[in-house]
N, C-alpha and C. Protein backbone atom coordinates (compact mmCIF):
# COMPACT_ATOMS: atom_id res chain seq x y z
N MET A 1 12.32 32.30 18.91
CA MET A 1 11.40 31.81 19.31
C MET A 1 12.08 29.80 19.63
N SER A 2 12.54 29.20 20.18
CA SER A 2 12.70 27.89 20.92
C SER A 2 11.95 27.26 20.99
N VAL A 3 12.58 26.26 20.30
CA VAL A 3 12.09 25.03 19.78
C VAL A 3 12.23 23.63 21.18
N TYR A 4 11.34 23.03 21.69
CA TYR A 4 11.25 21.98 22.88
C TYR A 4 10.94 21.01 22.62
N THR A 5 11.49 19.51 23.14
CA THR A 5 10.75 18.50 22.68
C THR A 5 10.27 18.10 24.32
N VAL A 6 9.21 17.42 23.82
CA VAL A 6 8.62 17.06 25.57
C VAL A 6 8.75 15.34 25.45
N HIS A 7 9.11 14.91 26.69
CA HIS A 7 9.56 13.43 27.00
C HIS A 7 8.40 13.52 28.46
N GLU A 8 8.03 12.32 28.28
CA GLU A 8 7.18 11.80 29.33
C GLU A 8 8.03 10.58 29.85
N PRO A 9 7.85 10.76 31.44
CA PRO A 9 8.66 9.81 32.28
C PRO A 9 8.34 8.46 32.32
N PRO A 10 8.92 7.56 32.11
CA PRO A 10 8.15 5.98 32.43
C PRO A 10 6.61 6.36 33.61
N LEU A 11 5.98 5.13 33.47
CA LEU A 11 4.94 5.13 34.62
C LEU A 11 5.38 4.25 35.42
N ARG A 12 4.88 5.11 36.58
CA ARG A 12 5.20 4.68 38.23
C ARG A 12 4.14 3.40 38.23
N ALA A 13 4.37 2.34 39.49
CA ALA A 13 3.55 1.66 39.41
C ALA A 13 2.32 1.32 39.83
N ALA A 14 1.98 2.73 40.53
CA ALA A 14 0.57 2.94 40.86
C ALA A 14 -0.24 4.01 39.97
N ASP A 15 0.67 4.48 38.42
CA ASP A 15 -0.15 5.56 37.91
C ASP A 15 -0.50 5.02 36.85
N SER A 16 -1.99 5.89 36.14
CA SER A 16 -2.38 5.04 34.93
C SER A 16 -1.78 6.26 33.75
N LEU A 17 -1.75 7.44 34.43
CA LEU A 17 -1.81 8.11 33.63
C LEU A 17 -0.26 9.02 33.89
N ALA A 18 0.91 9.78 33.68
CA ALA A 18 2.07 10.05 33.63
C ALA A 18 1.83 11.69 34.32
N ASP A 19 2.35 11.92 35.43
CA ASP A 19 2.43 12.91 36.11
C ASP A 19 2.93 14.02 35.36
N PRO A 20 1.74 15.07 35.19
CA PRO A 20 2.79 16.37 34.50
C PRO A 20 3.79 17.39 35.04
N GLN A 21 3.99 16.85 36.51
CA GLN A 21 5.67 17.92 36.92
C GLN A 21 6.32 16.70 36.25
N ARG A 22 6.61 15.79 36.12
CA ARG A 22 7.41 15.18 35.84
C ARG A 22 8.05 14.79 34.28
N PHE A 23 6.98 15.81 33.60
CA PHE A 23 7.68 16.24 31.97
C PHE A 23 8.70 16.74 31.99
N MET A 24 9.31 16.59 30.54
CA MET A 24 10.41 17.04 30.72
C MET A 24 10.88 17.19 29.31
N PHE A 25 10.97 18.86 29.45
CA PHE A 25 10.69 19.71 28.47
C PHE A 25 12.71 19.90 27.80
N VAL A 26 13.38 19.77 26.59
CA VAL A 26 14.91 19.49 26.24
C VAL A 26 14.74 20.32 24.91
N ARG A 27 15.10 21.91 25.31
CA ARG A 27 15.58 23.06 24.09
C ARG A 27 16.33 22.18 23.07
N ASP A 28 16.34 22.88 22.12
CA ASP A 28 16.83 22.01 20.78
C ASP A 28 17.86 23.70 20.47
N GLY A 29 18.67 23.26 20.30
CA GLY A 29 19.83 24.37 19.76
C GLY A 29 21.10 24.41 20.82
N PHE A 30 21.78 25.85 20.81
CA PHE A 30 23.28 25.78 21.25
C PHE A 30 23.22 25.86 22.90
N TYR A 31 23.93 25.17 23.92
CA TYR A 31 23.81 24.97 24.99
C TYR A 31 25.20 25.46 25.69
N PHE A 32 25.12 26.46 26.34
CA PHE A 32 26.26 27.56 26.21
C PHE A 32 27.84 26.54 27.43
N TRP A 33 26.80 26.18 28.18
CA TRP A 33 27.51 25.41 29.78
C TRP A 33 27.86 24.41 29.80
N ALA A 34 27.23 23.54 28.23
CA ALA A 34 27.73 22.50 28.05
C ALA A 34 29.32 22.08 26.78
N PHE A 35 29.45 23.18 26.54
CA PHE A 35 30.32 23.87 25.78
C PHE A 35 31.71 24.32 26.52
N LEU A 36 31.25 25.69 27.44
CA LEU A 36 32.21 26.01 28.72
C LEU A 36 32.48 24.97 29.91
N LEU A 37 31.85 24.41 30.33
CA LEU A 37 32.24 23.24 31.20
C LEU A 37 31.50 21.86 31.18
N THR A 38 31.44 21.32 30.01
CA THR A 38 31.23 20.18 29.39
C THR A 38 31.50 18.90 30.28
N PRO A 39 32.48 18.08 30.83
CA PRO A 39 32.26 17.39 32.35
C PRO A 39 31.10 17.72 33.28
N PHE A 40 31.42 18.81 33.76
CA PHE A 40 30.44 19.01 34.44
C PHE A 40 28.81 19.77 34.42
N TRP A 41 28.56 20.05 32.95
CA TRP A 41 27.14 19.86 32.80
C TRP A 41 26.74 18.47 32.45
N MET A 42 27.35 17.80 32.07
CA MET A 42 27.43 16.24 31.47
C MET A 42 26.95 15.73 33.02
N ILE A 43 27.98 15.71 33.96
CA ILE A 43 27.50 15.01 35.77
C ILE A 43 26.28 15.77 35.96
N ARG A 44 25.98 17.31 36.05
CA ARG A 44 24.88 18.05 36.02
C ARG A 44 23.16 17.31 35.95
N TYR A 45 23.16 17.26 34.66
CA TYR A 45 22.11 16.38 33.88
C TYR A 45 22.40 14.51 34.02
N ARG A 46 23.46 14.16 34.78
CA ARG A 46 23.32 12.85 34.92
C ARG A 46 23.77 11.83 33.77
N LEU A 47 24.37 12.41 32.90
CA LEU A 47 24.41 11.64 31.57
C LEU A 47 25.63 10.56 31.77
N TRP A 48 25.46 9.75 32.15
CA TRP A 48 26.61 9.03 32.53
C TRP A 48 27.51 8.60 31.23
N LEU A 49 26.61 7.55 30.45
CA LEU A 49 27.41 7.08 29.49
C LEU A 49 27.87 8.41 28.57
N VAL A 50 27.62 8.98 28.23
CA VAL A 50 27.52 10.04 27.49
C VAL A 50 29.37 10.92 28.27
N LEU A 51 29.43 10.68 29.30
CA LEU A 51 30.13 11.40 29.96
C LEU A 51 31.94 10.49 29.66
N VAL A 52 31.20 9.21 29.93
CA VAL A 52 32.50 8.32 29.70
C VAL A 52 32.81 7.95 28.26
N LEU A 53 31.76 8.21 27.14
CA LEU A 53 32.26 8.16 25.62
C LEU A 53 33.43 9.84 25.44
N TYR A 54 32.67 11.06 25.92
CA TYR A 54 33.12 11.78 26.09
C TYR A 54 34.89 11.75 26.36
N LEU A 55 34.79 11.37 27.91
CA LEU A 55 36.59 11.14 28.36
C LEU A 55 37.02 10.23 27.30
N VAL A 56 36.82 9.24 27.08
CA VAL A 56 37.52 7.81 25.74
C VAL A 56 37.51 9.12 24.84
N VAL A 57 36.55 9.73 24.16
CA VAL A 57 37.05 10.66 22.63
C VAL A 57 38.07 11.60 23.11
N THR A 58 38.00 12.23 23.98
CA THR A 58 38.73 13.32 24.36
C THR A 58 40.30 12.54 24.97
N ILE A 59 40.18 11.72 25.43
CA ILE A 59 41.71 11.43 26.17
C ILE A 59 42.05 10.48 24.57
N GLY A 60 41.42 9.93 23.88
CA GLY A 60 42.20 9.38 22.74
C GLY A 60 42.84 9.96 21.77
N ILE A 61 41.85 11.19 21.45
CA ILE A 61 42.07 12.32 19.86
C ILE A 61 43.89 12.69 21.11
N GLU A 62 43.45 13.48 22.01
CA GLU A 62 44.70 14.18 22.68
C GLU A 62 46.03 13.77 22.80
N THR A 63 45.79 12.23 22.94
CA THR A 63 46.76 11.64 22.97
C THR A 63 47.58 10.76 21.60
N GLY A 64 46.50 10.53 21.15
CA GLY A 64 47.03 10.62 19.39
C GLY A 64 47.53 11.67 18.75
N LEU A 65 46.58 13.03 19.24
CA LEU A 65 47.63 14.03 18.83
C LEU A 65 49.11 14.21 19.08
N ARG A 66 49.48 13.59 20.68
CA ARG A 66 50.61 14.08 21.58
C ARG A 66 51.36 12.50 20.01
N ILE A 67 51.23 11.75 20.20
CA ILE A 67 52.26 10.84 19.52
C ILE A 67 52.60 10.91 18.37
N LEU A 68 51.19 12.05 17.84
CA LEU A 68 52.02 12.32 16.56
C LEU A 68 52.83 13.97 16.72
N GLY A 69 53.22 14.52 17.78
CA GLY A 69 53.98 15.30 17.47
C GLY A 69 53.31 16.24 16.99
N ALA A 70 52.10 16.20 18.04
CA ALA A 70 51.64 17.89 17.69
C ALA A 70 51.36 19.18 18.51
N SER A 71 51.62 20.21 18.05
CA SER A 71 51.67 21.28 19.65
C SER A 71 50.30 21.19 20.26
N GLY A 72 51.22 22.12 21.35
CA GLY A 72 50.57 22.08 22.23
C GLY A 72 48.50 22.87 21.81
N LEU A 73 49.12 23.89 20.94
CA LEU A 73 47.75 24.95 20.36
C LEU A 73 46.99 23.89 19.68
N VAL A 74 47.56 22.63 18.98
CA VAL A 74 46.53 22.22 18.25
C VAL A 74 45.59 20.78 18.79
N VAL A 75 46.72 20.52 20.42
CA VAL A 75 45.87 19.74 20.92
C VAL A 75 44.84 20.29 21.80
N ALA A 76 45.08 21.43 22.29
CA ALA A 76 43.68 22.66 23.13
C ALA A 76 43.08 23.22 22.06
N LEU A 77 43.68 23.11 20.69
CA LEU A 77 42.33 22.98 19.63
C LEU A 77 41.42 22.36 19.76
N ALA A 78 41.82 21.39 19.42
CA ALA A 78 41.11 19.68 19.41
C ALA A 78 40.05 19.67 20.51
N GLY A 79 40.39 20.12 21.86
CA GLY A 79 39.47 19.51 22.65
C GLY A 79 38.42 21.05 22.50
N VAL A 80 39.19 22.43 22.14
CA VAL A 80 37.59 23.17 22.06
C VAL A 80 37.02 22.55 21.02
N VAL A 81 37.17 22.28 20.20
CA VAL A 81 36.38 21.67 19.02
C VAL A 81 35.39 20.62 19.34
N ILE A 82 35.94 19.16 20.52
CA ILE A 82 35.12 18.32 21.08
C ILE A 82 34.39 18.97 22.06
N SER A 83 34.59 20.37 22.58
CA SER A 83 33.67 20.71 23.49
C SER A 83 32.57 21.63 22.74
N LEU A 84 32.81 22.26 21.56
CA LEU A 84 31.96 22.63 20.96
C LEU A 84 31.16 22.30 20.40
N LEU A 85 31.59 21.03 19.54
CA LEU A 85 30.59 19.74 18.94
C LEU A 85 29.76 19.49 20.44
N ALA A 86 29.92 19.17 21.72
CA ALA A 86 29.23 18.95 23.15
C ALA A 86 27.71 20.03 23.02
N GLY A 87 28.59 21.44 22.81
CA GLY A 87 27.47 22.40 23.07
C GLY A 87 26.22 22.32 22.10
N LEU A 88 26.76 22.04 20.71
CA LEU A 88 25.82 21.44 20.03
C LEU A 88 24.59 20.50 19.82
N GLU A 89 25.10 19.77 20.28
CA GLU A 89 24.38 18.77 20.40
C GLU A 89 24.15 18.03 21.44
N ALA A 90 24.31 19.26 22.83
CA ALA A 90 23.59 18.55 23.85
C ALA A 90 22.35 18.29 24.30
N GLY A 91 21.19 19.31 23.56
CA GLY A 91 20.09 18.83 23.63
C GLY A 91 19.82 17.12 23.02
N THR A 92 20.34 17.16 22.00
CA THR A 92 20.26 15.71 21.37
C THR A 92 21.01 14.45 22.14
N LEU A 93 22.10 14.89 23.07
CA LEU A 93 22.80 13.86 24.31
C LEU A 93 21.55 13.57 25.49
N ARG A 94 21.06 14.99 25.56
CA ARG A 94 19.73 14.90 26.73
C ARG A 94 18.65 13.87 26.29
N ARG A 95 18.42 14.08 25.14
CA ARG A 95 17.03 13.29 24.04
C ARG A 95 17.52 11.55 24.40
N PHE A 96 19.00 11.61 24.03
CA PHE A 96 19.19 10.37 24.15
C PHE A 96 19.18 9.45 25.54
N THR A 97 19.70 10.24 26.42
CA THR A 97 19.59 9.37 27.79
C THR A 97 18.11 9.44 27.91
N LEU A 98 17.56 10.58 27.46
CA LEU A 98 16.35 10.23 28.61
C LEU A 98 15.32 8.75 27.88
N GLY A 99 15.68 8.56 26.50
CA GLY A 99 15.02 7.76 25.27
C GLY A 99 15.99 6.30 26.12
N ARG A 100 17.18 6.14 26.61
CA ARG A 100 17.73 5.20 26.90
C ARG A 100 16.93 4.67 28.74
N ARG A 101 16.68 5.69 29.33
CA ARG A 101 15.82 5.66 30.33
C ARG A 101 14.47 5.27 30.50
N GLY A 102 13.95 5.07 29.45
CA GLY A 102 12.45 4.58 29.10
C GLY A 102 11.49 5.45 28.98
N TRP A 103 11.97 7.28 29.00
CA TRP A 103 11.35 8.45 28.71
C TRP A 103 10.72 8.30 27.16
N ARG A 104 9.28 8.93 26.81
CA ARG A 104 8.76 8.40 25.66
C ARG A 104 8.77 9.99 25.26
N ASN A 105 9.26 10.26 23.92
CA ASN A 105 8.84 11.95 23.26
C ASN A 105 8.00 12.01 22.74
N VAL A 106 6.96 13.01 23.40
CA VAL A 106 5.59 12.78 23.26
C VAL A 106 5.14 14.02 22.26
N GLY A 107 5.95 14.61 22.01
CA GLY A 107 5.62 16.22 21.06
C GLY A 107 6.78 16.99 21.05
N VAL A 108 6.65 18.28 20.21
CA VAL A 108 7.51 19.24 20.22
C VAL A 108 6.49 20.45 20.32
N VAL A 109 6.94 21.23 20.71
CA VAL A 109 6.64 22.44 21.31
C VAL A 109 7.42 23.67 20.96
N SER A 110 7.23 25.09 20.95
CA SER A 110 7.73 25.83 20.48
C SER A 110 7.09 27.15 21.60
N GLY A 111 8.06 27.98 21.91
CA GLY A 111 8.04 29.30 22.70
C GLY A 111 9.18 30.33 23.19
N SER A 112 9.02 31.16 23.76
CA SER A 112 10.15 32.12 23.75
C SER A 112 10.69 31.83 25.05
N LYS A 113 10.57 31.45 25.82
CA LYS A 113 10.42 30.81 27.40
C LYS A 113 10.11 29.65 27.44
N VAL A 114 10.80 28.06 28.26
CA VAL A 114 10.25 27.15 28.42
C VAL A 114 9.01 26.85 29.16
N GLU A 115 8.73 28.43 29.91
CA GLU A 115 7.05 28.21 30.73
C GLU A 115 6.29 28.52 29.25
N ASP A 116 6.70 29.10 28.35
CA ASP A 116 5.36 29.25 27.58
C ASP A 116 5.14 28.09 26.34
N ALA A 117 6.47 27.18 26.69
CA ALA A 117 6.62 25.90 25.99
C ALA A 117 5.31 25.06 26.68
N GLU A 118 5.51 24.95 28.00
CA GLU A 118 5.05 24.06 28.75
C GLU A 118 3.40 24.10 28.57
N LEU A 119 3.51 25.92 29.16
CA LEU A 119 1.62 26.35 28.77
C LEU A 119 1.36 25.66 27.30
N ARG A 120 2.07 25.99 26.04
CA ARG A 120 0.89 25.41 25.20
C ARG A 120 0.58 24.26 24.47
N PHE A 121 1.87 23.43 25.16
CA PHE A 121 1.91 22.08 25.48
C PHE A 121 0.93 21.61 26.12
N PHE A 122 1.05 21.66 27.69
CA PHE A 122 -0.52 21.29 28.16
C PHE A 122 -1.93 21.57 27.92
N GLU A 123 -1.51 22.93 27.23
CA GLU A 123 -3.20 23.32 26.73
C GLU A 123 -3.55 22.01 25.84
N THR A 124 -2.92 21.74 24.98
CA THR A 124 -3.42 20.35 24.03
C THR A 124 -3.21 19.31 24.39
N TRP A 125 -2.36 19.25 25.52
CA TRP A 125 -2.33 17.49 26.11
C TRP A 125 -3.70 17.22 26.53
N VAL A 126 -3.46 18.49 27.74
CA VAL A 126 -5.35 18.27 28.23
C VAL A 126 -6.40 18.03 27.48
N GLN A 127 -6.59 18.26 26.64
CA GLN A 127 -7.64 18.27 25.58
C GLN A 127 -7.62 16.67 25.35
N GLN A 128 -6.55 16.52 24.81
CA GLN A 128 -6.26 14.92 24.16
C GLN A 128 -6.36 13.86 25.39
N THR A 129 -6.29 14.15 26.34
CA THR A 129 -5.59 13.14 27.62
C THR A 129 -7.30 12.93 28.12
N PRO A 130 -7.46 11.36 28.50
CA PRO A 130 -9.18 11.13 28.66
C PRO A 130 -8.90 11.52 30.51
N ALA A 131 -10.23 11.85 30.86
CA ALA A 131 -10.68 12.52 32.23
C ALA A 131 -10.17 11.79 33.01
N ARG A 132 -9.65 12.15 34.09
CA ARG A 132 -9.31 11.35 35.10
C ARG A 132 -10.64 11.53 36.18
N SER A 133 -11.43 10.36 36.27
CA SER A 133 -12.29 10.34 37.51
C SER A 133 -11.79 10.03 38.37
N THR A 134 -12.33 10.25 40.14
CA THR A 134 -12.44 10.07 41.19
C THR A 134 -12.94 8.76 41.78
N VAL A 135 -14.23 8.70 41.11
CA VAL A 135 -15.39 7.36 41.02
C VAL A 135 -15.19 6.47 39.52
N SER A 136 -15.13 5.53 39.94
CA SER A 136 -15.43 4.69 38.72
C SER A 136 -16.61 4.00 38.44
N THR A 137 -17.15 4.46 37.26
CA THR A 137 -17.94 4.02 36.91
C THR A 137 -17.89 3.24 35.57
N PRO A 138 -18.79 1.98 35.45
CA PRO A 138 -18.72 1.45 34.02
C PRO A 138 -18.66 1.62 33.16
N ALA A 139 -18.25 1.10 32.05
CA ALA A 139 -18.27 1.64 30.88
C ALA A 139 -19.67 0.84 30.30
N LYS A 140 -20.01 1.91 29.43
CA LYS A 140 -21.51 1.22 28.48
C LYS A 140 -20.94 1.02 27.31
N PRO A 141 -21.72 0.03 26.89
CA PRO A 141 -20.98 -0.76 25.38
C PRO A 141 -21.89 0.24 24.45
N ALA A 142 -20.71 0.43 23.64
CA ALA A 142 -21.30 1.63 22.19
C ALA A 142 -22.27 0.92 21.70
N ALA A 143 -23.48 2.02 21.52
CA ALA A 143 -24.31 1.13 20.31
C ALA A 143 -24.12 1.01 18.78
N PRO A 144 -24.40 -0.24 18.26
CA PRO A 144 -24.21 -0.44 17.29
C PRO A 144 -24.69 1.25 16.16
N SER A 145 -23.76 1.39 15.04
CA SER A 145 -23.96 2.33 14.18
C SER A 145 -23.94 1.99 13.12
N ALA A 146 -24.99 2.19 12.00
CA ALA A 146 -25.31 2.07 10.53
C ALA A 146 -24.03 2.35 10.00
N PRO A 147 -23.16 1.25 9.12
CA PRO A 147 -22.39 1.91 8.40
C PRO A 147 -22.48 2.80 7.76
N SER A 148 -21.44 3.52 7.27
CA SER A 148 -21.56 4.91 6.41
C SER A 148 -21.41 4.32 5.08
N PRO A 149 -22.62 5.11 3.80
CA PRO A 149 -22.28 4.50 2.58
C PRO A 149 -20.84 5.14 1.68
N PRO A 150 -20.48 4.56 1.13
CA PRO A 150 -19.07 4.68 0.40
C PRO A 150 -19.47 5.72 -0.50
N PRO A 151 -18.42 7.10 -0.75
CA PRO A 151 -18.49 8.08 -1.77
C PRO A 151 -18.78 7.61 -2.95
N SER A 152 -19.84 8.41 -3.74
CA SER A 152 -19.86 7.96 -5.19
C SER A 152 -18.89 8.81 -5.89
N SER A 153 -18.58 8.06 -6.63
CA SER A 153 -17.12 8.65 -7.77
C SER A 153 -17.49 9.87 -8.42
N SER A 154 -18.87 10.21 -8.22
CA SER A 154 -19.10 11.90 -8.92
C SER A 154 -18.80 12.76 -7.64
N GLU A 155 -19.06 12.70 -6.56
CA GLU A 155 -18.53 13.36 -4.98
C GLU A 155 -16.93 13.84 -5.18
N PRO A 156 -16.59 15.00 -5.27
CA PRO A 156 -15.31 15.59 -5.35
C PRO A 156 -14.89 15.41 -4.13
N PRO A 157 -13.28 14.55 -3.60
CA PRO A 157 -12.70 13.79 -2.85
C PRO A 157 -12.67 15.34 -1.46
N GLY A 158 -12.49 14.86 -0.29
CA GLY A 158 -12.18 16.06 0.51
C GLY A 158 -11.23 16.69 0.42
N VAL A 159 -11.30 18.60 1.20
CA VAL A 159 -10.38 19.37 0.38
C VAL A 159 -9.14 19.13 1.21
N ILE A 160 -8.39 19.23 0.52
CA ILE A 160 -6.79 19.48 1.38
C ILE A 160 -6.22 20.57 0.71
N GLY A 161 -5.65 21.33 2.04
CA GLY A 161 -5.31 22.95 1.76
C GLY A 161 -6.17 23.79 2.81
N LEU A 162 -6.15 24.88 1.99
CA LEU A 162 -6.73 26.13 2.95
C LEU A 162 -7.95 26.29 3.33
N PHE A 163 -8.94 25.58 2.74
CA PHE A 163 -10.69 26.19 2.21
C PHE A 163 -11.37 24.69 2.95
N PRO A 164 -12.29 24.72 4.08
CA PRO A 164 -12.73 23.79 4.87
C PRO A 164 -13.41 22.64 4.19
N GLU A 165 -13.98 23.48 3.07
CA GLU A 165 -15.24 22.65 2.38
C GLU A 165 -15.31 22.78 0.73
N PRO A 166 -15.07 22.05 0.03
CA PRO A 166 -15.07 22.58 -1.29
C PRO A 166 -15.96 23.48 -2.01
N GLY A 167 -15.59 24.46 -3.00
CA GLY A 167 -16.75 25.41 -3.43
C GLY A 167 -16.36 26.41 -2.45
N ALA A 168 -15.55 26.80 -0.97
CA ALA A 168 -15.85 27.42 -0.56
C ALA A 168 -15.59 28.88 -0.98
N GLN A 169 -15.75 30.50 -0.22
CA GLN A 169 -15.38 31.61 -1.08
C GLN A 169 -13.92 31.62 -0.34
N ARG A 170 -13.38 32.56 -1.89
CA ARG A 170 -12.02 32.63 -1.40
C ARG A 170 -11.30 33.93 -0.46
C-alpha cells in the first residue's frame, strides 16, 4: 500500500474554499521515471529550481571527477548515483516545489492506488469542511452556556487507550 501526501492549492481570488479537483496527491516512494529520465521528469513536473540545481551539481561533480583524472566508468557511475538519488527523493522534490508555490500540506493518506487514497481522503475531508450553502443566511449568535464544573480529584482522568470509558469490559 502506498502513502500519499495531500496538498491543497492556494485559494483563487473568488474562492472561499479550495477546489477539490485541484488537490495534488504525491506518492512517497521510488519514482522509476525520475531515476531513468531525470531531467525530463523534472521538466514534466515543472520543477525548474530543482532542475537547475540538478544540472549544476551533476556538471560540477562530473567536471571535478574529470579534472581529478577519474575514468569514464567512475564518471558514469557518479551520474547513475545522482539519478538514483533523484528517483529516491522525487516525491520530496515535488513536495518542496509545491510548498514554494504556496500549496499547503493538508494530510497524509494511504491506498493501493491513487484513486483509493483520494476516496479515503475526501470521505474525511467532506465531513470536516464546513458545508457550502448557495443562499447566505445570517449567523445566529450562540447562546451562552453555563461553564462545566472542573473535574473533582476523586474522579479518574479520562481513559487513554483502547477502552472508551473507565471500567469498560475487556
